[in-house]
Amino acid sequence: MPYIVIEEDRCKGCGLCTIACPKKLVSLSSQPNALGYTLAVFNNPENCTGCSLCAEMCPDVAITVFKEDN
């Protein structure tokens, strides 16, 4: 099952990943990180197709997509 990892220390909460995800699996949290940025969070990972659009859109390279073999 594919999944993504969002590096909290790199995310600045721009929201581009939330727009890019065709299944709307990435959203912005209500809690800021240590630097005061609202972080992106991964929701409903079982629905992720591993398309990598979220990672491609991230200007801070904070998202890594993993595609595991079944």
PDB file of N, CA and C in Angstrom:
ATOM      1  N   MET A   1       0.853  -1.174   0.000  1.00  0.00           N
ATOM      2  CA  MET A   1       0.000   0.000   0.000  1.00  0.00           C
ATOM      3  C   MET A   1       0.902   1.242   0.000  1.00  0.00           C
ATOM      4  N   PRO A   2       0.676   2.168  -0.926  1.00  0.00           N
ATOM      5  CA  PRO A   2       1.454   3.412  -0.937  1.00  0.00           C
ATOM      6  C   PRO A   2       1.096   4.297   0.249  1.00  0.00           C
ATOM      7  N   TYR A   3       2.052   5.096   0.667  1.00  0.00           N
ATOM      8  CA  TYR A   3       1.793   6.067   1.724  1.00  0.00           C
ATOM      9  C   TYR A   3       2.803   7.202   1.612  1.00  0.00           C
ATOM     10  N   ILE A   4       2.505   8.307   2.277  1.00  0.00           N
ATOM     11  CA  ILE A   4       3.414   9.450   2.251  1.00  0.00           C
ATOM     12  C   ILE A   4       3.883   9.774   3.667  1.00  0.00           C
ATOM     13  N   VAL A   5       5.056  10.392   3.729  1.00  0.00           N
ATOM     14  CA  VAL A   5       5.596  10.880   4.989  1.00  0.00           C
ATOM     15  C   VAL A   5       5.852  12.373   4.808  1.00  0.00           C
ATOM     16  N   ILE A   6       5.352  13.164   5.741  1.00  0.00           N
ATOM     17  CA  ILE A   6       5.531  14.614   5.694  1.00  0.00           C
ATOM     18  C   ILE A   6       6.505  15.006   6.793  1.00  0.00           C
ATOM     19  N   GLU A   7       7.630  15.607   6.414  1.00  0.00           N
ATOM     20  CA  GLU A   7       8.631  16.042   7.383  1.00  0.00           C
ATOM     21  C   GLU A   7       8.176  17.355   8.023  1.00  0.00           C
ATOM     22  N   GLU A   8       7.850  17.289   9.303  1.00  0.00           N
ATOM     23  CA  GLU A   8       7.303  18.444  10.005  1.00  0.00           C
ATOM     24  C   GLU A   8       8.260  19.629  10.027  1.00  0.00           C
ATOM     25  N   ASP A   9       9.541  19.357  10.135  1.00  0.00           N
ATOM     26  CA  ASP A   9      10.501  20.458  10.220  1.00  0.00           C
ATOM     27  C   ASP A   9      10.700  21.177   8.895  1.00  0.00           C
ATOM     28  N   ARG A  10      10.219  20.601   7.792  1.00  0.00           N
ATOM     29  CA  ARG A  10      10.351  21.239   6.482  1.00  0.00           C
ATOM     30  C   ARG A  10       9.056  21.878   5.992  1.00  0.00           C
ATOM     31  N   CYS A  11       7.920  21.395   6.486  1.00  0.00           N
ATOM     32  CA  CYS A  11       6.615  21.866   6.024  1.00  0.00           C
ATOM     33  C   CYS A  11       6.347  23.283   6.526  1.00  0.00           C
ATOM     34  N   LYS A  12       5.945  24.149   5.591  1.00  0.00           N
ATOM     35  CA  LYS A  12       5.605  25.530   5.944  1.00  0.00           C
ATOM     36  C   LYS A  12       4.117  25.821   5.785  1.00  0.00           C
ATOM     37  N   GLY A  13       3.334  24.773   5.535  1.00  0.00           N
ATOM     38  CA  GLY A  13       1.884  24.918   5.479  1.00  0.00           C
ATOM     39  C   GLY A  13       1.362  25.729   4.317  1.00  0.00           C
ATOM     40  N   CYS A  14       2.028  25.655   3.180  1.00  0.00           N
ATOM     41  CA  CYS A  14       1.590  26.439   2.015  1.00  0.00           C
ATOM     42  C   CYS A  14       0.265  25.928   1.449  1.00  0.00           C
ATOM     43  N   GLY A  15      -0.015  24.621   1.632  1.00  0.00           N
ATOM     44  CA  GLY A  15      -1.277  24.049   1.170  1.00  0.00           C
ATOM     45  C   GLY A  15      -1.286  23.570  -0.266  1.00  0.00           C
ATOM     46  N   LEU A  16      -0.176  23.674  -0.981  1.00  0.00           N
ATOM     47  CA  LEU A  16      -0.160  23.218  -2.371  1.00  0.00           C
ATOM     48  C   LEU A  16      -0.418  21.713  -2.476  1.00  0.00           C
ATOM     49  N   CYS A  17       0.053  20.964  -1.507  1.00  0.00           N
ATOM     50  CA  CYS A  17      -0.171  19.514  -1.519  1.00  0.00           C
ATOM     51  C   CYS A  17      -1.651  19.188  -1.365  1.00  0.00           C
ATOM     52  N   THR A  18      -2.379  19.994  -0.620  1.00  0.00           N
ATOM     53  CA  THR A  18      -3.808  19.749  -0.418  1.00  0.00           C
ATOM     54  C   THR A  18      -4.581  19.957  -1.711  1.00  0.00           C
ATOM     55  N   ILE A  19      -4.100  20.861  -2.525  1.00  0.00           N
ATOM     56  CA  ILE A  19      -4.733  21.131  -3.824  1.00  0.00           C
ATOM     57  C   ILE A  19      -4.367  20.043  -4.828  1.00  0.00           C
ATOM     58  N   ALA A  20      -3.135  19.549  -4.757  1.00  0.00           N
ATOM     59  CA  ALA A  20      -2.631  18.590  -5.734  1.00  0.00           C
ATOM     60  C   ALA A  20      -3.218  17.192  -5.577  1.00  0.00           C
ATOM     61  N   CYS A  21      -3.542  16.792  -4.363  1.00  0.00           N
ATOM     62  CA  CYS A  21      -4.006  15.426  -4.131  1.00  0.00           C
ATOM     63  C   CYS A  21      -5.391  15.214  -4.742  1.00  0.00           C
ATOM     64  N   PRO A  22      -5.497  14.334  -5.736  1.00  0.00           N
ATOM     65  CA  PRO A  22      -6.802  14.134  -6.384  1.00  0.00           C
ATOM     66  C   PRO A  22      -7.829  13.477  -5.468  1.00  0.00           C
ATOM     67  N   LYS A  23      -7.383  12.787  -4.435  1.00  0.00           N
ATOM     68  CA  LYS A  23      -8.302  12.122  -3.509  1.00  0.00           C
ATOM     69  C   LYS A  23      -8.505  12.914  -2.226  1.00  0.00           C
ATOM     70  N   LYS A  24      -7.886  14.094  -2.139  1.00  0.00           N
ATOM     71  CA  LYS A  24      -8.019  14.986  -0.976  1.00  0.00           C
ATOM     72  C   LYS A  24      -7.603  14.287   0.324  1.00  0.00           C
ATOM     73  N   LEU A  25      -6.461  13.573   0.273  1.00  0.00           N
ATOM     74  CA  LEU A  25      -5.967  12.848   1.439  1.00  0.00           C
ATOM     75  C   LEU A  25      -5.002  13.675   2.279  1.00  0.00           C
ATOM     76  N   VAL A  26      -4.640  14.843   1.795  1.00  0.00           N
ATOM     77  CA  VAL A  26      -3.742  15.730   2.544  1.00  0.00           C
ATOM     78  C   VAL A  26      -4.533  16.984   2.914  1.00  0.00           C
ATOM     79  N   SER A  27      -4.430  17.366   4.181  1.00  0.00           N
ATOM     80  CA  SER A  27      -5.105  18.574   4.644  1.00  0.00           C
ATOM     81  C   SER A  27      -4.166  19.328   5.576  1.00  0.00           C
ATOM     82  N   LEU A  28      -4.550  20.526   5.953  1.00  0.00           N
ATOM     83  CA  LEU A  28      -3.750  21.299   6.896  1.00  0.00           C
ATOM     84  C   LEU A  28      -4.294  21.099   8.299  1.00  0.00           C
ATOM     85  N   SER A  29      -3.400  20.850   9.230  1.00  0.00           N
ATOM     86  CA  SER A  29      -3.813  20.621  10.610  1.00  0.00           C
ATOM     87  C   SER A  29      -4.197  21.940  11.272  1.00  0.00           C
ATOM     88  N   SER A  30      -4.798  21.823  12.415  1.00  0.00           N
ATOM     89  CA  SER A  30      -5.147  23.026  13.168  1.00  0.00           C
ATOM     90  C   SER A  30      -4.050  23.390  14.162  1.00  0.00           C
ATOM     91  N   GLN A  31      -3.065  22.503  14.331  1.00  0.00           N
ATOM     92  CA  GLN A  31      -1.971  22.734  15.276  1.00  0.00           C
ATOM     93  C   GLN A  31      -0.703  23.166  14.539  1.00  0.00           C
ATOM     94  N   PRO A  32      -0.100  24.276  14.934  1.00  0.00           N
ATOM     95  CA  PRO A  32       1.157  24.701  14.299  1.00  0.00           C
ATOM     96  C   PRO A  32       2.344  23.888  14.819  1.00  0.00           C
ATOM     97  N   ASN A  33       3.420  23.856  14.015  1.00  0.00           N
ATOM     98  CA  ASN A  33       4.635  23.192  14.478  1.00  0.00           C
ATOM     99  C   ASN A  33       5.446  24.156  15.341  1.00  0.00           C
ATOM    100  N   ALA A  34       6.655  23.785  15.709  1.00  0.00           N
ATOM    101  CA  ALA A  34       7.489  24.595  16.600  1.00  0.00           C
ATOM    102  C   ALA A  34       7.824  25.966  16.000  1.00  0.00           C
ATOM    103  N   LEU A  35       7.793  26.056  14.674  1.00  0.00           N
ATOM    104  CA  LEU A  35       8.093  27.330  14.019  1.00  0.00           C
ATOM    105  C   LEU A  35       6.851  28.184  13.776  1.00  0.00           C
ATOM    106  N   GLY A  36       5.689  27.658  14.150  1.00  0.00           N
ATOM    107  CA  GLY A  36       4.451  28.405  13.993  1.00  0.00           C
ATOM    108  C   GLY A  36       3.713  28.152  12.695  1.00  0.00           C
ATOM    109  N   TYR A  37       4.190  27.210  11.880  1.00  0.00           N
ATOM    110  CA  TYR A  37       3.529  26.889  10.614  1.00  0.00           C
ATOM    111  C   TYR A  37       2.453  25.837  10.833  1.00  0.00           C
ATOM    112  N   THR A  38       1.351  25.955  10.128  1.00  0.00           N
ATOM    113  CA  THR A  38       0.306  24.944  10.148  1.00  0.00           C
ATOM    114  C   THR A  38       0.750  23.816   9.228  1.00  0.00           C
ATOM    115  N   LEU A  39       0.844  22.630   9.751  1.00  0.00           N
ATOM    116  CA  LEU A  39       1.396  21.502   9.013  1.00  0.00           C
ATOM    117  C   LEU A  39       0.383  20.783   8.145  1.00  0.00           C
ATOM    118  N   ALA A  40       0.904  20.170   7.080  1.00  0.00           N
ATOM    119  CA  ALA A  40       0.103  19.272   6.272  1.00  0.00           C
ATOM    120  C   ALA A  40       0.046  17.927   6.980  1.00  0.00           C
ATOM    121  N   VAL A  41      -1.096  17.267   6.915  1.00  0.00           N
ATOM    122  CA  VAL A  41      -1.263  15.947   7.512  1.00  0.00           C
ATOM    123  C   VAL A  41      -1.880  14.998   6.485  1.00  0.00           C
ATOM    124  N   PHE A  42      -1.528  13.721   6.603  1.00  0.00           N
ATOM    125  CA  PHE A  42      -1.981  12.673   5.698  1.00  0.00           C
ATOM    126  C   PHE A  42      -3.173  11.968   6.325  1.00  0.00           C
ATOM    127  N   ASN A  43      -4.306  11.969   5.647  1.00  0.00           N
ATOM    128  CA  ASN A  43      -5.537  11.362   6.141  1.00  0.00           C
ATOM    129  C   ASN A  43      -5.927  10.172   5.267  1.00  0.00           C
ATOM    130  N   ASN A  44      -6.548   9.185   5.851  1.00  0.00           N
ATOM    131  CA  ASN A  44      -7.072   8.024   5.121  1.00  0.00           C
ATOM    132  C   ASN A  44      -6.016   7.382   4.211  1.00  0.00           C
ATOM    133  N   PRO A  45      -4.894   6.944   4.774  1.00  0.00           N
ATOM    134  CA  PRO A  45      -3.806   6.403   3.953  1.00  0.00           C
ATOM    135  C   PRO A  45      -4.206   5.189   3.119  1.00  0.00           C
ATOM    136  N   GLU A  46      -5.247   4.479   3.541  1.00  0.00           N
ATOM    137  CA  GLU A  46      -5.681   3.308   2.771  1.00  0.00           C
ATOM    138  C   GLU A  46      -6.201   3.674   1.388  1.00  0.00           C
ATOM    139  N   ASN A  47      -6.505   4.944   1.158  1.00  0.00           N
ATOM    140  CA  ASN A  47      -7.017   5.395  -0.137  1.00  0.00           C
ATOM    141  C   ASN A  47      -5.943   5.971  -1.043  1.00  0.00           C
ATOM    142  N   CYS A  48      -4.699   6.015  -0.571  1.00  0.00           N
ATOM    143  CA  CYS A  48      -3.607   6.611  -1.350  1.00  0.00           C
ATOM    144  C   CYS A  48      -3.226   5.710  -2.524  1.00  0.00           C
ATOM    145  N   THR A  49      -3.090   6.293  -3.709  1.00  0.00           N
ATOM    146  CA  THR A  49      -2.693   5.541  -4.902  1.00  0.00           C
ATOM    147  C   THR A  49      -1.208   5.667  -5.189  1.00  0.00           C
ATOM    148  N   GLY A  50      -0.511   6.543  -4.461  1.00  0.00           N
ATOM    149  CA  GLY A  50       0.922   6.744  -4.687  1.00  0.00           C
ATOM    150  C   GLY A  50       1.219   7.558  -5.928  1.00  0.00           C
ATOM    151  N   CYS A  51       0.328   8.427  -6.324  1.00  0.00           N
ATOM    152  CA  CYS A  51       0.500   9.205  -7.560  1.00  0.00           C
ATOM    153  C   CYS A  51       1.653  10.215  -7.475  1.00  0.00           C
ATOM    154  N   SER A  52       2.038  10.590  -6.262  1.00  0.00           N
ATOM    155  CA  SER A  52       3.166  11.504  -6.004  1.00  0.00           C
ATOM    156  C   SER A  52       2.914  12.965  -6.358  1.00  0.00           C
ATOM    157  N   LEU A  53       1.689  13.321  -6.677  1.00  0.00           N
ATOM    158  CA  LEU A  53       1.405  14.718  -7.016  1.00  0.00           C
ATOM    159  C   LEU A  53       1.655  15.641  -5.830  1.00  0.00           C
ATOM    160  N   CYS A  54       1.369  15.173  -4.628  1.00  0.00           N
ATOM    161  CA  CYS A  54       1.594  16.000  -3.441  1.00  0.00           C
ATOM    162  C   CYS A  54       3.086  16.322  -3.295  1.00  0.00           C
ATOM    163  N   ALA A  55       3.935  15.319  -3.487  1.00  0.00           N
ATOM    164  CA  ALA A  55       5.385  15.518  -3.369  1.00  0.00           C
ATOM    165  C   ALA A  55       5.921  16.409  -4.472  1.00  0.00           C
ATOM    166  N   GLU A  56       5.383  16.259  -5.672  1.00  0.00           N
ATOM    167  CA  GLU A  56       5.833  17.087  -6.792  1.00  0.00           C
ATOM    168  C   GLU A  56       5.483  18.560  -6.581  1.00  0.00           C
ATOM    169  N   MET A  57       4.367  18.827  -5.938  1.00  0.00           N
ATOM    170  CA  MET A  57       3.930  20.208  -5.718  1.00  0.00           C
ATOM    171  C   MET A  57       4.617  20.879  -4.540  1.00  0.00           C
ATOM    172  N   CYS A  58       5.186  20.099  -3.626  1.00  0.00           N
ATOM    173  CA  CYS A  58       5.764  20.661  -2.402  1.00  0.00           C
ATOM    174  C   CYS A  58       7.043  21.443  -2.697  1.00  0.00           C
ATOM    175  N   PRO A  59       7.022  22.775  -2.497  1.00  0.00           N
ATOM    176  CA  PRO A  59       8.208  23.583  -2.799  1.00  0.00           C
ATOM    177  C   PRO A  59       9.341  23.394  -1.791  1.00  0.00           C
ATOM    178  N   ASP A  60       9.043  22.805  -0.641  1.00  0.00           N
ATOM    179  CA  ASP A  60      10.063  22.612   0.393  1.00  0.00           C
ATOM    180  C   ASP A  60      10.541  21.167   0.493  1.00  0.00           C
ATOM    181  N   VAL A  61      10.133  20.334  -0.454  1.00  0.00           N
ATOM    182  CA  VAL A  61      10.530  18.926  -0.516  1.00  0.00           C
ATOM    183  C   VAL A  61      10.300  18.250   0.844  1.00  0.00           C
ATOM    184  N   ALA A  62       9.134  18.481   1.407  1.00  0.00           N
ATOM    185  CA  ALA A  62       8.799  17.952   2.723  1.00  0.00           C
ATOM    186  C   ALA A  62       8.039  16.638   2.657  1.00  0.00           C
ATOM    187  N   ILE A  63       7.663  16.206   1.455  1.00  0.00           N
ATOM    188  CA  ILE A  63       6.842  15.000   1.302  1.00  0.00           C
ATOM    189  C   ILE A  63       7.603  13.936   0.536  1.00  0.00           C
ATOM    190  N   THR A  64       7.601  12.726   1.104  1.00  0.00           N
ATOM    191  CA  THR A  64       8.189  11.564   0.430  1.00  0.00           C
ATOM    192  C   THR A  64       7.086  10.538   0.243  1.00  0.00           C
ATOM    193  N   VAL A  65       7.018   9.982  -0.949  1.00  0.00           N
ATOM    194  CA  VAL A  65       6.002   8.967  -1.256  1.00  0.00           C
ATOM    195  C   VAL A  65       6.669   7.602  -1.296  1.00  0.00           C
ATOM    196  N   PHE A  66       6.088   6.644  -0.600  1.00  0.00           N
ATOM    197  CA  PHE A  66       6.582   5.290  -0.572  1.00  0.00           C
ATOM    198  C   PHE A  66       5.559   4.386  -1.231  1.00  0.00           C
ATOM    199  N   LYS A  67       6.045   3.534  -2.134  1.00  0.00           N
ATOM    200  CA  LYS A  67       5.168   2.587  -2.827  1.00  0.00           C
ATOM    201  C   LYS A  67       5.660   1.194  -2.470  1.00  0.00           C
ATOM    202  N   GLU A  68       4.974   0.527  -1.555  1.00  0.00           N
ATOM    203  CA  GLU A  68       5.366  -0.801  -1.105  1.00  0.00           C
ATOM    204  C   GLU A  68       4.753  -1.871  -1.999  1.00  0.00           C
ATOM    205  N   ASP A  69       5.517  -2.924  -2.190  1.00  0.00           N
ATOM    206  CA  ASP A  69       4.991  -4.074  -2.928  1.00  0.00           C
ATOM    207  C   ASP A  69       4.120  -4.899  -2.006  1.00  0.00           C
ATOM    208  N   ASN A  70       3.041  -5.436  -2.551  1.00  0.00           N
ATOM    209  CA  ASN A  70       2.144  -6.270  -1.736  1.00  0.00           C
ATOM    210  C   ASN A  70       2.674  -7.649  -1.604  1.00  0.00           C
TER     211      ASN A  70
END
